[in-house]
Amino acid sequence: MSASIDLTGRVFGRLTVLGPTDRRESGNVVWRCRCACGQEILVRTAELTRGRTVSCGCYQREIHAQRLRKLDRSGNLVDGTNLHSLARGIQRNNTSGVKGVSYNARQRAWGAYIYIRRQRIHLGWYHTLGDAAAARREAEAEYHVPILDRHKDPEA
């Protein structure tokens, strides 16, 4: 299959273009690429030429691992949870006024959630903001407080 621009052999970040496939997505040729780590992936022309895709995902995983190691060395990582994120206040775009609570128009209910070890845990749907806020406070007591307590007492 011929492509309007031949990217074969070109290097984009950690990706080396091996050749075009017969696939097209959104008007773009889909290229077979090999990452520096050895994994092969398929990438659209636009993702390569605009610098949006530069690896198979190994680069992001390495960057994330570096950040976790840095947090761990600084003492801010406890049981896989960033202590700074526990202490972080309400985000600017929060409209409920309660951390971890938002209104879902489709459900016509308040949703409560909490993050622990980079995982979002859905706590349920509630008819009132007060009930959702109470569920969030209970979850903080269950999930966050033990981590904060362990950080205060390294012998625990």
C-alpha atoms as a PDB file:
ATOM      1  CA  MET A   1       0.000   0.000   0.000  1.00  0.00           C
ATOM      2  CA  SER A   2       1.487   3.342  -0.938  1.00  0.00           C
ATOM      3  CA  ALA A   3       1.321   6.312   1.376  1.00  0.00           C
ATOM      4  CA  SER A   4       1.364   9.972   0.355  1.00  0.00           C
ATOM      5  CA  ILE A   5       4.357  10.515   2.642  1.00  0.00           C
ATOM      6  CA  ASP A   6       6.700   7.630   3.256  1.00  0.00           C
ATOM      7  CA  LEU A   7       7.740   7.595   6.898  1.00  0.00           C
ATOM      8  CA  THR A   8       9.489   4.220   6.687  1.00  0.00           C
ATOM      9  CA  GLY A   9      12.788   4.288   8.583  1.00  0.00           C
ATOM     10  CA  ARG A  10      12.098   7.623  10.259  1.00  0.00           C
ATOM     11  CA  VAL A  11      12.434   7.895  14.024  1.00  0.00           C
ATOM     12  CA  PHE A  12       9.873   9.690  16.194  1.00  0.00           C
ATOM     13  CA  GLY A  13      10.967   9.742  19.809  1.00  0.00           C
ATOM     14  CA  ARG A  14      11.534   6.099  20.697  1.00  0.00           C
ATOM     15  CA  LEU A  15       9.582   4.818  17.692  1.00  0.00           C
ATOM     16  CA  THR A  16      11.123   3.670  14.407  1.00  0.00           C
ATOM     17  CA  VAL A  17       8.628   3.409  11.555  1.00  0.00           C
ATOM     18  CA  LEU A  18       8.772  -0.035   9.953  1.00  0.00           C
ATOM     19  CA  GLY A  19       6.222   0.579   7.229  1.00  0.00           C
ATOM     20  CA  PRO A  20       2.606   1.385   6.386  1.00  0.00           C
ATOM     21  CA  THR A  21      -0.321  -0.955   6.985  1.00  0.00           C
ATOM     22  CA  ASP A  22      -3.435  -1.249   4.836  1.00  0.00           C
ATOM     23  CA  ARG A  23      -5.472   0.475   7.561  1.00  0.00           C
ATOM     24  CA  ARG A  24      -6.681   4.059   7.543  1.00  0.00           C
ATOM     25  CA  GLU A  25      -8.077   5.953  10.531  1.00  0.00           C
ATOM     26  CA  SER A  26      -9.549   9.423  10.244  1.00  0.00           C
ATOM     27  CA  GLY A  27      -7.942   9.743   6.815  1.00  0.00           C
ATOM     28  CA  ASN A  28      -4.498   8.868   8.177  1.00  0.00           C
ATOM     29  CA  VAL A  29      -2.261   5.994   7.222  1.00  0.00           C
ATOM     30  CA  VAL A  30      -1.641   3.641  10.129  1.00  0.00           C
ATOM     31  CA  TRP A  31       2.057   2.757  10.471  1.00  0.00           C
ATOM     32  CA  ARG A  32       3.714  -0.254  12.055  1.00  0.00           C
ATOM     33  CA  CYS A  33       6.403   1.012  14.437  1.00  0.00           C
ATOM     34  CA  ARG A  34       8.972  -0.580  16.736  1.00  0.00           C
ATOM     35  CA  CYS A  35       9.696   1.047  20.054  1.00  0.00           C
ATOM     36  CA  ALA A  36      13.218   1.201  21.482  1.00  0.00           C
ATOM     37  CA  CYS A  37      12.055  -1.337  24.092  1.00  0.00           C
ATOM     38  CA  GLY A  38      11.307  -3.810  21.271  1.00  0.00           C
ATOM     39  CA  GLN A  39       7.504  -3.711  21.296  1.00  0.00           C
ATOM     40  CA  GLU A  40       5.659  -3.099  18.018  1.00  0.00           C
ATOM     41  CA  ILE A  41       2.621  -0.837  17.839  1.00  0.00           C
ATOM     42  CA  LEU A  42       0.372   0.746  15.212  1.00  0.00           C
ATOM     43  CA  VAL A  43       0.285   4.538  15.044  1.00  0.00           C
ATOM     44  CA  ARG A  44      -1.540   7.035  12.798  1.00  0.00           C
ATOM     45  CA  THR A  45       0.475   9.488  10.695  1.00  0.00           C
ATOM     46  CA  ALA A  46      -0.819  12.526  12.591  1.00  0.00           C
ATOM     47  CA  GLU A  47       0.121  11.031  15.969  1.00  0.00           C
ATOM     48  CA  LEU A  48       3.699  10.530  14.767  1.00  0.00           C
ATOM     49  CA  THR A  49       4.247  13.779  12.897  1.00  0.00           C
ATOM     50  CA  ARG A  50       2.667  15.955  15.609  1.00  0.00           C
ATOM     51  CA  GLY A  51       4.719  14.303  18.349  1.00  0.00           C
ATOM     52  CA  ARG A  52       1.709  12.927  20.226  1.00  0.00           C
ATOM     53  CA  THR A  53       2.966   9.342  20.243  1.00  0.00           C
ATOM     54  CA  VAL A  54       6.683   8.873  20.933  1.00  0.00           C
ATOM     55  CA  SER A  55       6.750   5.371  22.436  1.00  0.00           C
ATOM     56  CA  CYS A  56       4.637   2.273  23.021  1.00  0.00           C
ATOM     57  CA  GLY A  57       3.840   3.629  26.481  1.00  0.00           C
ATOM     58  CA  CYS A  58       7.115   2.549  28.080  1.00  0.00           C
ATOM     59  CA  TYR A  59       8.297   6.163  28.305  1.00  0.00           C
ATOM     60  CA  GLN A  60       5.267   7.231  30.363  1.00  0.00           C
ATOM     61  CA  ARG A  61       5.669   4.192  32.620  1.00  0.00           C
ATOM     62  CA  GLU A  62       9.352   5.081  33.184  1.00  0.00           C
ATOM     63  CA  ILE A  63       8.513   8.719  33.981  1.00  0.00           C
ATOM     64  CA  HIS A  64       5.799   7.592  36.386  1.00  0.00           C
ATOM     65  CA  ALA A  65       8.163   5.121  38.089  1.00  0.00           C
ATOM     66  CA  GLN A  66      10.772   7.895  38.463  1.00  0.00           C
ATOM     67  CA  ARG A  67       8.193  10.164  40.106  1.00  0.00           C
ATOM     68  CA  LEU A  68       7.153   7.400  42.499  1.00  0.00           C
ATOM     69  CA  ARG A  69      10.790   6.714  43.436  1.00  0.00           C
ATOM     70  CA  LYS A  70      11.315  10.440  44.054  1.00  0.00           C
ATOM     71  CA  LEU A  71       8.183  10.602  46.247  1.00  0.00           C
ATOM     72  CA  ASP A  72       9.264   7.479  48.094  1.00  0.00           C
ATOM     73  CA  ARG A  73      12.734   8.929  48.814  1.00  0.00           C
ATOM     74  CA  SER A  74      11.180  12.155  50.056  1.00  0.00           C
ATOM     75  CA  GLY A  75       8.923  10.247  52.457  1.00  0.00           C
ATOM     76  CA  ASN A  76       5.752  11.473  50.741  1.00  0.00           C
ATOM     77  CA  LEU A  77       4.715   8.050  49.443  1.00  0.00           C
ATOM     78  CA  VAL A  78       3.060   5.721  51.946  1.00  0.00           C
ATOM     79  CA  ASP A  79       1.575   2.393  50.828  1.00  0.00           C
ATOM     80  CA  GLY A  80       1.550   3.623  47.230  1.00  0.00           C
ATOM     81  CA  THR A  81      -0.365   6.769  48.106  1.00  0.00           C
ATOM     82  CA  ASN A  82       0.982  10.298  47.732  1.00  0.00           C
ATOM     83  CA  LEU A  83       0.556  12.130  51.048  1.00  0.00           C
ATOM     84  CA  HIS A  84       0.388  15.466  49.220  1.00  0.00           C
ATOM     85  CA  SER A  85      -2.720  14.317  47.361  1.00  0.00           C
ATOM     86  CA  LEU A  86      -4.421  13.480  50.677  1.00  0.00           C
ATOM     87  CA  ALA A  87      -3.714  16.961  52.009  1.00  0.00           C
ATOM     88  CA  ARG A  88      -4.618  18.728  48.768  1.00  0.00           C
ATOM     89  CA  GLY A  89      -7.634  20.998  49.063  1.00  0.00           C
ATOM     90  CA  ILE A  90     -10.661  21.346  46.846  1.00  0.00           C
ATOM     91  CA  GLN A  91      -9.889  21.913  43.178  1.00  0.00           C
ATOM     92  CA  ARG A  92     -10.834  25.178  41.525  1.00  0.00           C
ATOM     93  CA  ASN A  93     -13.429  23.556  39.264  1.00  0.00           C
ATOM     94  CA  ASN A  94     -15.233  21.840  42.181  1.00  0.00           C
ATOM     95  CA  THR A  95     -18.852  23.005  42.219  1.00  0.00           C
ATOM     96  CA  SER A  96     -20.121  20.957  45.177  1.00  0.00           C
ATOM     97  CA  GLY A  97     -17.790  22.516  47.733  1.00  0.00           C
ATOM     98  CA  VAL A  98     -16.914  19.027  49.016  1.00  0.00           C
ATOM     99  CA  LYS A  99     -13.809  17.138  47.947  1.00  0.00           C
ATOM    100  CA  GLY A 100     -14.732  13.867  46.225  1.00  0.00           C
ATOM    101  CA  VAL A 101     -18.384  14.761  45.635  1.00  0.00           C
ATOM    102  CA  SER A 102     -19.979  15.841  42.367  1.00  0.00           C
ATOM    103  CA  TYR A 103     -23.452  16.072  40.889  1.00  0.00           C
ATOM    104  CA  ASN A 104     -24.327  13.830  37.950  1.00  0.00           C
ATOM    105  CA  ALA A 105     -27.227  15.226  35.930  1.00  0.00           C
ATOM    106  CA  ARG A 106     -27.799  11.941  34.105  1.00  0.00           C
ATOM    107  CA  GLN A 107     -28.146  10.027  37.401  1.00  0.00           C
ATOM    108  CA  ARG A 108     -29.889  13.014  39.010  1.00  0.00           C
ATOM    109  CA  ALA A 109     -27.842  12.288  42.095  1.00  0.00           C
ATOM    110  CA  TRP A 110     -24.716  13.248  43.980  1.00  0.00           C
ATOM    111  CA  GLY A 111     -21.811  10.871  43.443  1.00  0.00           C
ATOM    112  CA  ALA A 112     -19.146  10.308  46.067  1.00  0.00           C
ATOM    113  CA  TYR A 113     -15.700   8.884  45.341  1.00  0.00           C
ATOM    114  CA  ILE A 114     -12.251   8.644  46.847  1.00  0.00           C
ATOM    115  CA  TYR A 115      -8.804   7.918  45.418  1.00  0.00           C
ATOM    116  CA  ILE A 116      -6.480   5.442  47.065  1.00  0.00           C
ATOM    117  CA  ARG A 117      -3.281   4.050  45.522  1.00  0.00           C
ATOM    118  CA  ARG A 118      -4.139   5.850  42.268  1.00  0.00           C
ATOM    119  CA  GLN A 119      -7.457   4.003  42.055  1.00  0.00           C
ATOM    120  CA  ARG A 120     -10.813   5.763  42.074  1.00  0.00           C
ATOM    121  CA  ILE A 121     -13.309   4.062  44.367  1.00  0.00           C
ATOM    122  CA  HIS A 122     -16.947   4.940  43.712  1.00  0.00           C
ATOM    123  CA  LEU A 123     -18.787   5.260  47.025  1.00  0.00           C
ATOM    124  CA  GLY A 124     -22.319   5.462  45.632  1.00  0.00           C
ATOM    125  CA  TRP A 125     -25.080   7.785  44.438  1.00  0.00           C
ATOM    126  CA  TYR A 126     -26.977   9.938  46.938  1.00  0.00           C
ATOM    127  CA  HIS A 127     -30.093  12.102  46.737  1.00  0.00           C
ATOM    128  CA  THR A 128     -28.599  14.882  48.851  1.00  0.00           C
ATOM    129  CA  LEU A 129     -25.243  16.600  48.959  1.00  0.00           C
ATOM    130  CA  GLY A 130     -25.127  16.021  52.706  1.00  0.00           C
ATOM    131  CA  ASP A 131     -25.453  12.238  52.333  1.00  0.00           C
ATOM    132  CA  ALA A 132     -22.725  12.152  49.668  1.00  0.00           C
ATOM    133  CA  ALA A 133     -20.446  14.309  51.844  1.00  0.00           C
ATOM    134  CA  ALA A 134     -21.027  11.980  54.806  1.00  0.00           C
ATOM    135  CA  ALA A 135     -20.099   8.957  52.661  1.00  0.00           C
ATOM    136  CA  ARG A 136     -16.923  10.729  51.597  1.00  0.00           C
ATOM    137  CA  ARG A 137     -16.002  11.547  55.228  1.00  0.00           C
ATOM    138  CA  GLU A 138     -16.547   7.893  56.224  1.00  0.00           C
ATOM    139  CA  ALA A 139     -14.328   6.744  53.360  1.00  0.00           C
ATOM    140  CA  GLU A 140     -11.607   9.216  54.384  1.00  0.00           C
ATOM    141  CA  ALA A 141     -11.710   7.742  57.890  1.00  0.00           C
ATOM    142  CA  GLU A 142     -11.457   4.231  56.449  1.00  0.00           C
ATOM    143  CA  TYR A 143      -8.832   4.810  53.733  1.00  0.00           C
ATOM    144  CA  HIS A 144      -6.862   8.016  54.368  1.00  0.00           C
ATOM    145  CA  VAL A 145      -6.583   8.208  58.155  1.00  0.00           C
ATOM    146  CA  PRO A 146      -4.712   4.874  58.545  1.00  0.00           C
ATOM    147  CA  ILE A 147      -2.154   6.004  55.949  1.00  0.00           C
ATOM    148  CA  LEU A 148      -1.710   9.371  57.632  1.00  0.00           C
ATOM    149  CA  ASP A 149      -1.382   7.670  61.034  1.00  0.00           C
ATOM    150  CA  ARG A 150       1.310   5.329  59.706  1.00  0.00           C
ATOM    151  CA  HIS A 151       3.203   8.304  58.296  1.00  0.00           C
ATOM    152  CA  LYS A 152       3.178  10.038  61.684  1.00  0.00           C
ATOM    153  CA  ASP A 153       4.473   6.908  63.458  1.00  0.00           C
ATOM    154  CA  PRO A 154       7.082   5.142  61.303  1.00  0.00           C
ATOM    155  CA  GLU A 155       7.312   2.311  63.876  1.00  0.00           C
ATOM    156  CA  ALA A 156       3.702   1.218  63.176  1.00  0.00           C
END
